[in-house]
Amino acid sequence: MSAPVRQIPFAELEALLQRIFVRHGTSEAVARALAFNCASAQRDGAHSHGVFRIPGYVSTLASGWVNGKAEPLVQDVASGYVSVDAGGGFAQPALAAARDLLVSKARSGGIAALAIHNSHHFAALWPDVEPFADEGLVALSVVNSMTCVVPQGARRPLFGTNPIAFAAPCAGHPPIVFDMATSAIAHGDVQIAARKGELLPEGMGVDRDGQPTRDPAAILDGGALLPFGGHKGSALSMMVELLAAALTGGNFSFEFDWSGHPGAKTPWTGQLLIVIDPSLVQGQRFAERSAELVRQMEEVGVTRLPGERRFREREKSAREGVSLSQQEFDELQALAQS
């Protein structure tokens, strides 16, 4: 028998999550940024980064590991470069604080970079880049995570899941958006599989003895994930460490110790965003060229473009409401009141 499902409007879910964040120690501004991200992920069917993450946020805030009321410090470093010290808080409010300056620099100079450090990122990465594509810009972002991935040929984990997100405008279509971990599977998906008692596909991870396993519980209990594509994914993960941590001034995935904060879940690392304004060279032609690429991909048999499932889920949620199990809804209500 399937679990009861509740459909609620996106705005209602977002408001509920905001109440939870404020109740558990964030400022209103931080709550808005985090609630929008988590509600968007749930709306778009990315459940490993939706309401599934809320207990982790709450336990992290309770542990004192993250500053839920941090005020980001934005620095105008150079003509095409912005730096933000997130103040030990979350990365999304830091991005929000620097966004207008970043876009202004990209519009005037054609390209601009935003380096965020002293920050925590515990959410889906595509909501950080998709809004830029909605404005006709191209955006690329990388963020590193906590150590849980064994580099190709290594004996122990060192890298994080280290995702890469990309967004570009596309004439007549929603933006082209993808968000992918450089690990073989996202850490949140491993946790969901463990909760459901499901086995993973081959090649996702190893147990505490370094032996291949399909058991998500064994991966979480002293084991580790593997990079996707062997040495290729491992090289990309290394690149993310360099761009998101070494370049921004953030921590590498192995450079922080949260052992003194039981309940902490959010990695204390860094994030880099690069935003390009194609109109300075291509005018509106870039979006039209994007559409031509999409047309040719469909012509050769591609049936699902990157991000397409999220847009379908978004349309469904707009019609029917965002899907939550009754248990998830009840747990959120309890957190909002506790």
Protein backbone atom coordinates (compact mmCIF):
# COMPACT_ATOMS: atom_id res chain seq x y z
CA MET A 1 0.00 0.00 0.00
CA SER A 2 1.51 3.33 -1.05
CA ALA A 3 2.01 6.13 1.48
CA PRO A 4 -0.62 8.90 1.50
CA VAL A 5 0.39 11.86 -0.66
CA ARG A 6 -0.43 15.49 -0.01
CA GLN A 7 -0.33 18.18 -2.74
CA ILE A 8 0.35 21.72 -1.56
CA PRO A 9 0.94 24.96 -3.49
CA PHE A 10 4.58 25.94 -3.98
CA ALA A 11 4.11 29.23 -2.12
CA GLU A 12 2.63 27.39 0.86
CA LEU A 13 5.56 24.98 0.99
CA GLU A 14 8.06 27.82 0.66
CA ALA A 15 6.38 29.74 3.50
CA LEU A 16 6.36 26.64 5.71
CA LEU A 17 10.08 26.07 5.13
CA GLN A 18 10.80 29.73 5.89
CA ARG A 19 9.04 29.35 9.23
CA ILE A 20 11.13 26.28 10.02
CA PHE A 21 14.40 28.01 9.25
CA VAL A 22 13.55 31.10 11.29
CA ARG A 23 12.27 28.93 14.14
CA HIS A 24 15.58 27.09 14.23
CA GLY A 25 17.90 30.07 14.19
CA THR A 26 18.25 31.78 10.82
CA SER A 27 17.51 35.36 9.88
CA GLU A 28 14.54 36.11 7.64
CA ALA A 29 16.85 36.76 4.66
CA VAL A 30 18.67 33.45 5.10
CA ALA A 31 15.37 31.63 5.56
CA ARG A 32 14.03 33.05 2.27
CA ALA A 33 17.10 31.91 0.30
CA LEU A 34 17.18 28.41 1.76
CA ALA A 35 13.42 27.88 1.60
CA PHE A 36 13.26 28.85 -2.07
CA ASN A 37 16.07 26.41 -2.90
CA CYS A 38 14.59 23.45 -0.99
CA ALA A 39 11.03 24.12 -2.15
CA SER A 40 12.23 24.43 -5.77
CA ALA A 41 14.01 21.09 -5.56
CA GLN A 42 10.92 19.39 -4.12
CA ARG A 43 8.69 21.04 -6.75
CA ASP A 44 10.94 19.85 -9.56
CA GLY A 45 11.19 16.26 -8.35
CA ALA A 46 14.79 16.51 -7.06
CA HIS A 47 13.78 14.91 -3.78
CA SER A 48 17.30 14.23 -2.52
CA HIS A 49 17.71 18.02 -2.20
CA GLY A 50 14.15 18.92 -1.25
CA VAL A 51 12.40 18.53 2.10
CA PHE A 52 14.61 15.48 2.69
CA ARG A 53 17.36 17.98 3.58
CA ILE A 54 15.39 19.92 6.21
CA PRO A 55 16.25 17.73 9.24
CA GLY A 56 19.92 18.08 8.28
CA TYR A 57 19.62 21.86 8.19
CA VAL A 58 17.86 21.86 11.57
CA SER A 59 20.42 19.60 13.25
CA THR A 60 23.26 21.65 11.77
CA LEU A 61 21.81 24.90 13.07
CA ALA A 62 21.27 23.32 16.50
CA SER A 63 24.89 22.11 16.58
CA GLY A 64 26.29 25.63 16.23
CA TRP A 65 28.33 24.55 13.20
CA VAL A 66 26.86 27.18 10.88
CA ASN A 67 25.92 30.81 11.45
CA GLY A 68 22.27 31.07 10.43
CA LYS A 69 22.29 34.86 10.79
CA ALA A 70 25.55 35.60 8.99
CA GLU A 71 25.68 38.79 6.93
CA PRO A 72 27.81 38.26 3.79
CA LEU A 73 30.63 40.69 3.08
CA VAL A 74 30.79 41.55 -0.63
CA GLN A 75 34.06 42.83 -2.11
CA ASP A 76 34.39 44.40 -5.56
CA VAL A 77 37.81 42.92 -6.33
CA ALA A 78 38.31 43.77 -10.02
CA SER A 79 36.45 44.64 -13.20
CA GLY A 80 35.30 41.06 -13.69
CA TYR A 81 35.67 39.63 -10.21
CA VAL A 82 33.55 39.67 -7.05
CA SER A 83 34.46 37.99 -3.77
CA VAL A 84 32.11 37.23 -0.88
CA ASP A 85 32.95 36.16 2.65
CA ALA A 86 29.81 34.28 3.70
CA GLY A 87 30.70 34.74 7.37
CA GLY A 88 30.41 31.06 8.22
CA GLY A 89 26.86 31.07 6.87
CA PHE A 90 25.17 29.54 3.86
CA ALA A 91 26.27 30.11 0.26
CA GLN A 92 22.84 31.04 -1.16
CA PRO A 93 22.46 34.27 0.87
CA ALA A 94 26.04 35.16 -0.13
CA LEU A 95 25.10 34.73 -3.79
CA ALA A 96 21.97 36.82 -3.28
CA ALA A 97 24.01 39.62 -1.70
CA ALA A 98 26.46 39.74 -4.61
CA ARG A 99 24.09 38.95 -7.47
CA ASP A 100 23.34 42.46 -8.69
CA LEU A 101 27.02 43.39 -8.78
CA LEU A 102 27.92 40.13 -10.55
CA VAL A 103 25.28 40.65 -13.25
CA SER A 104 26.31 44.28 -13.72
CA LYS A 105 29.92 43.24 -14.29
CA ALA A 106 28.91 40.49 -16.70
CA ARG A 107 26.72 42.92 -18.66
CA SER A 108 29.46 45.53 -18.93
CA GLY A 109 32.49 43.32 -19.43
CA GLY A 110 30.98 40.24 -21.04
CA ILE A 111 32.09 37.87 -18.27
CA ALA A 112 32.40 37.97 -14.50
CA ALA A 113 33.29 35.56 -11.71
CA LEU A 114 31.94 35.31 -8.18
CA ALA A 115 34.10 33.62 -5.53
CA ILE A 116 32.30 32.62 -2.32
CA HIS A 117 34.28 31.38 0.69
CA ASN A 118 33.71 30.68 4.38
CA SER A 119 30.40 29.20 3.24
CA HIS A 120 28.17 26.15 3.60
CA HIS A 121 26.29 24.59 0.66
CA PHE A 122 23.84 21.76 1.34
CA ALA A 123 21.42 22.13 -1.53
CA ALA A 124 20.84 21.54 -5.22
CA LEU A 125 23.20 23.62 -7.36
CA TRP A 126 20.99 24.22 -10.41
CA PRO A 127 18.79 26.82 -8.62
CA ASP A 128 21.94 28.93 -8.31
CA VAL A 129 22.48 29.09 -12.09
CA GLU A 130 19.07 28.75 -13.75
CA PRO A 131 17.90 32.30 -12.90
CA PHE A 132 20.84 33.72 -14.86
CA ALA A 133 19.73 31.85 -17.99
CA ASP A 134 16.25 33.29 -17.51
CA GLU A 135 17.91 36.69 -18.00
CA GLY A 136 19.70 35.62 -21.18
CA LEU A 137 23.02 34.89 -19.48
CA VAL A 138 25.17 31.76 -19.45
CA ALA A 139 26.19 30.54 -15.99
CA LEU A 140 28.54 27.86 -14.70
CA SER A 141 29.03 27.02 -11.03
CA VAL A 142 31.06 24.53 -9.00
CA VAL A 143 31.00 23.78 -5.28
CA ASN A 144 33.00 21.27 -3.30
CA SER A 145 31.69 19.18 -0.44
CA MET A 146 32.81 17.01 2.49
CA THR A 147 35.23 14.14 1.93
CA CYS A 148 33.29 11.08 0.77
CA VAL A 149 34.70 10.15 -2.68
CA VAL A 150 37.76 7.99 -3.41
CA PRO A 151 39.86 9.46 -6.25
CA GLN A 152 40.66 7.06 -9.07
CA GLY A 153 43.51 4.79 -8.01
CA ALA A 154 43.43 5.92 -4.36
CA ARG A 155 42.91 3.89 -1.19
CA ARG A 156 40.89 6.39 0.86
CA PRO A 157 38.27 9.09 0.21
CA LEU A 158 39.51 12.65 -0.30
CA PHE A 159 37.17 14.59 -2.62
CA GLY A 160 33.56 15.61 -2.09
CA THR A 161 30.70 14.84 -4.47
CA ASN A 162 31.76 18.17 -6.06
CA PRO A 163 28.90 19.04 -8.41
CA ILE A 164 29.02 21.15 -11.56
CA ALA A 165 25.96 23.13 -12.71
CA PHE A 166 25.43 24.88 -16.05
CA ALA A 167 22.60 26.99 -17.48
CA ALA A 168 22.10 28.66 -20.87
CA PRO A 169 19.17 30.39 -22.57
CA CYS A 170 17.41 28.59 -25.43
CA ALA A 171 15.01 30.35 -27.81
CA GLY A 172 11.51 28.93 -27.66
CA HIS A 173 12.44 26.48 -24.90
CA PRO A 174 13.12 26.52 -21.18
CA PRO A 175 16.80 27.13 -20.38
CA ILE A 176 19.26 24.30 -20.91
CA VAL A 177 20.23 23.38 -17.35
CA PHE A 178 22.17 20.53 -15.83
CA ASP A 179 23.47 19.81 -12.36
CA MET A 180 25.66 16.77 -11.90
CA ALA A 181 27.81 15.38 -9.15
CA THR A 182 31.29 14.27 -10.15
CA SER A 183 30.71 11.24 -7.95
CA ALA A 184 28.93 8.25 -9.48
CA ILE A 185 25.83 9.10 -7.44
CA ALA A 186 24.77 12.00 -5.24
CA HIS A 187 25.26 11.46 -1.51
CA GLY A 188 21.62 12.31 -0.84
CA ASP A 189 20.47 9.60 -3.24
CA VAL A 190 22.56 7.07 -1.31
CA GLN A 191 20.84 8.17 1.91
CA ILE A 192 17.40 7.85 0.32
CA ALA A 193 18.24 4.35 -1.00
CA ALA A 194 19.43 3.32 2.48
CA ARG A 195 16.21 4.64 4.02
CA LYS A 196 14.14 2.65 1.52
CA GLY A 197 16.26 -0.50 1.82
CA GLU A 198 17.12 -0.46 -1.88
CA LEU A 199 20.32 -1.64 -3.54
CA LEU A 200 22.36 0.69 -5.73
CA PRO A 201 23.63 -0.07 -9.25
CA GLU A 202 27.14 -1.48 -9.59
CA GLY A 203 30.06 0.93 -9.46
CA MET A 204 28.59 3.50 -7.08
CA GLY A 205 30.71 2.94 -3.99
CA VAL A 206 32.85 0.82 -1.70
CA ASP A 207 32.50 -0.42 1.89
CA ARG A 208 34.81 0.41 4.81
CA ASP A 209 37.28 -2.24 3.57
CA GLY A 210 37.44 -0.68 0.10
CA GLN A 211 35.45 -3.49 -1.49
CA PRO A 212 32.81 -2.70 -4.12
CA THR A 213 29.28 -2.74 -2.72
CA ARG A 214 25.73 -2.07 -3.82
CA ASP A 215 24.56 -1.65 -0.23
CA PRO A 216 23.99 2.06 0.50
CA ALA A 217 24.18 1.41 4.26
CA ALA A 218 27.70 -0.02 3.82
CA ILE A 219 28.74 3.07 1.86
CA LEU A 220 27.40 5.35 4.59
CA ASP A 221 28.92 3.27 7.41
CA GLY A 222 32.61 3.98 6.85
CA GLY A 223 32.58 3.37 3.11
CA ALA A 224 32.83 5.90 0.30
CA LEU A 225 31.54 6.85 -3.13
CA LEU A 226 33.40 6.44 -6.41
CA PRO A 227 33.83 9.12 -9.10
CA PHE A 228 31.76 8.71 -12.24
CA GLY A 229 33.68 7.58 -15.31
CA GLY A 230 36.79 6.50 -13.42
CA HIS A 231 39.76 8.78 -14.06
CA LYS A 232 37.64 11.29 -16.02
CA GLY A 233 35.24 12.00 -13.18
CA SER A 234 38.15 11.99 -10.75
CA ALA A 235 39.91 14.69 -12.78
CA LEU A 236 36.76 16.83 -12.87
CA SER A 237 36.35 16.43 -9.12
CA MET A 238 39.94 17.61 -8.64
CA MET A 239 39.17 20.61 -10.86
CA VAL A 240 36.18 21.48 -8.67
CA GLU A 241 38.36 21.37 -5.55
CA LEU A 242 40.77 23.82 -7.17
CA LEU A 243 38.11 26.21 -8.47
CA ALA A 244 35.70 26.09 -5.52
CA ALA A 245 38.25 26.00 -2.70
CA ALA A 246 41.79 26.93 -3.74
CA LEU A 247 40.71 29.82 -5.98
CA THR A 248 37.97 31.23 -3.75
CA GLY A 249 39.78 30.91 -0.42
CA GLY A 250 37.38 28.23 0.79
CA ASN A 251 38.22 24.94 2.47
CA PHE A 252 39.10 21.83 0.51
CA SER A 253 36.72 18.95 1.19
CA PHE A 254 39.24 17.49 3.65
CA GLU A 255 40.17 20.72 5.46
CA PHE A 256 37.45 21.08 8.07
CA ASP A 257 36.66 19.13 11.22
CA TRP A 258 33.09 19.04 12.46
CA SER A 259 33.65 16.36 15.08
CA GLY A 260 33.08 18.92 17.81
CA HIS A 261 29.60 19.69 16.47
CA PRO A 262 27.43 16.56 16.69
CA GLY A 263 24.58 16.85 14.24
CA ALA A 264 26.48 19.01 11.75
CA LYS A 265 25.70 18.05 8.14
CA THR A 266 26.66 21.03 5.94
CA PRO A 267 30.13 21.08 4.35
CA TRP A 268 32.15 24.24 5.07
CA THR A 269 33.80 24.85 1.70
CA GLY A 270 33.57 27.32 -1.21
CA GLN A 271 31.80 28.05 -4.48
CA LEU A 272 32.71 29.66 -7.79
CA LEU A 273 30.23 31.07 -10.32
CA ILE A 274 31.12 32.31 -13.80
CA VAL A 275 28.51 34.37 -15.66
CA ILE A 276 28.77 35.29 -19.36
CA ASP A 277 26.65 37.72 -21.36
CA PRO A 278 26.51 36.26 -24.90
CA SER A 279 24.62 39.27 -26.25
CA LEU A 280 27.81 41.34 -26.40
CA VAL A 281 29.10 39.12 -29.21
CA GLN A 282 26.12 37.16 -30.50
CA GLY A 283 23.16 39.40 -29.72
CA GLN A 284 20.08 37.17 -29.54
CA ARG A 285 21.74 34.66 -31.83
CA PHE A 286 23.17 32.59 -28.98
CA ALA A 287 19.72 31.54 -27.74
CA GLU A 288 18.76 30.73 -31.33
CA ARG A 289 21.92 28.66 -31.75
CA SER A 290 21.06 26.84 -28.53
CA ALA A 291 17.66 26.01 -29.98
CA GLU A 292 19.29 24.71 -33.16
CA LEU A 293 21.51 22.42 -31.10
CA VAL A 294 18.47 21.12 -29.26
CA ARG A 295 16.67 20.52 -32.56
CA GLN A 296 19.62 18.55 -33.93
CA MET A 297 19.87 16.50 -30.73
CA GLU A 298 16.21 15.59 -31.03
CA GLU A 299 16.72 14.81 -34.73
CA VAL A 300 19.35 12.18 -33.92
CA GLY A 301 17.17 10.53 -31.31
CA VAL A 302 17.77 12.28 -27.98
CA THR A 303 14.49 11.88 -26.13
CA ARG A 304 15.28 13.71 -22.90
CA LEU A 305 17.43 16.80 -22.62
CA PRO A 306 19.36 17.70 -19.46
CA GLY A 307 16.98 19.24 -16.94
CA GLU A 308 13.89 18.36 -18.97
CA ARG A 309 12.43 16.07 -16.30
CA ARG A 310 12.65 18.91 -13.77
CA PHE A 311 10.69 21.23 -16.05
CA ARG A 312 7.98 18.58 -16.55
CA GLU A 313 7.73 18.07 -12.80
CA ARG A 314 7.56 21.83 -12.35
CA GLU A 315 4.62 22.11 -14.74
CA LYS A 316 2.86 19.25 -12.96
CA SER A 317 3.45 20.88 -9.57
CA ALA A 318 2.02 24.17 -10.88
CA ARG A 319 -1.17 22.33 -11.84
CA GLU A 320 -1.52 19.91 -8.96
CA GLY A 321 0.64 21.24 -6.16
CA VAL A 322 3.99 20.02 -4.82
CA SER A 323 3.91 16.38 -3.75
CA LEU A 324 4.78 15.44 -0.17
CA SER A 325 3.99 12.28 1.71
CA GLN A 326 1.68 12.84 4.64
CA GLN A 327 4.54 11.83 6.92
CA GLU A 328 6.83 14.47 5.36
CA PHE A 329 4.16 17.13 5.74
CA ASP A 330 3.52 16.20 9.37
CA GLU A 331 7.24 16.27 10.14
CA LEU A 332 7.59 19.73 8.59
CA GLN A 333 4.63 21.01 10.60
CA ALA A 334 6.23 19.65 13.78
CA LEU A 335 9.56 21.33 12.99
CA ALA A 336 7.79 24.63 12.35
CA GLN A 337 6.27 24.47 15.85
CA SER A 338 9.09 22.88 17.84
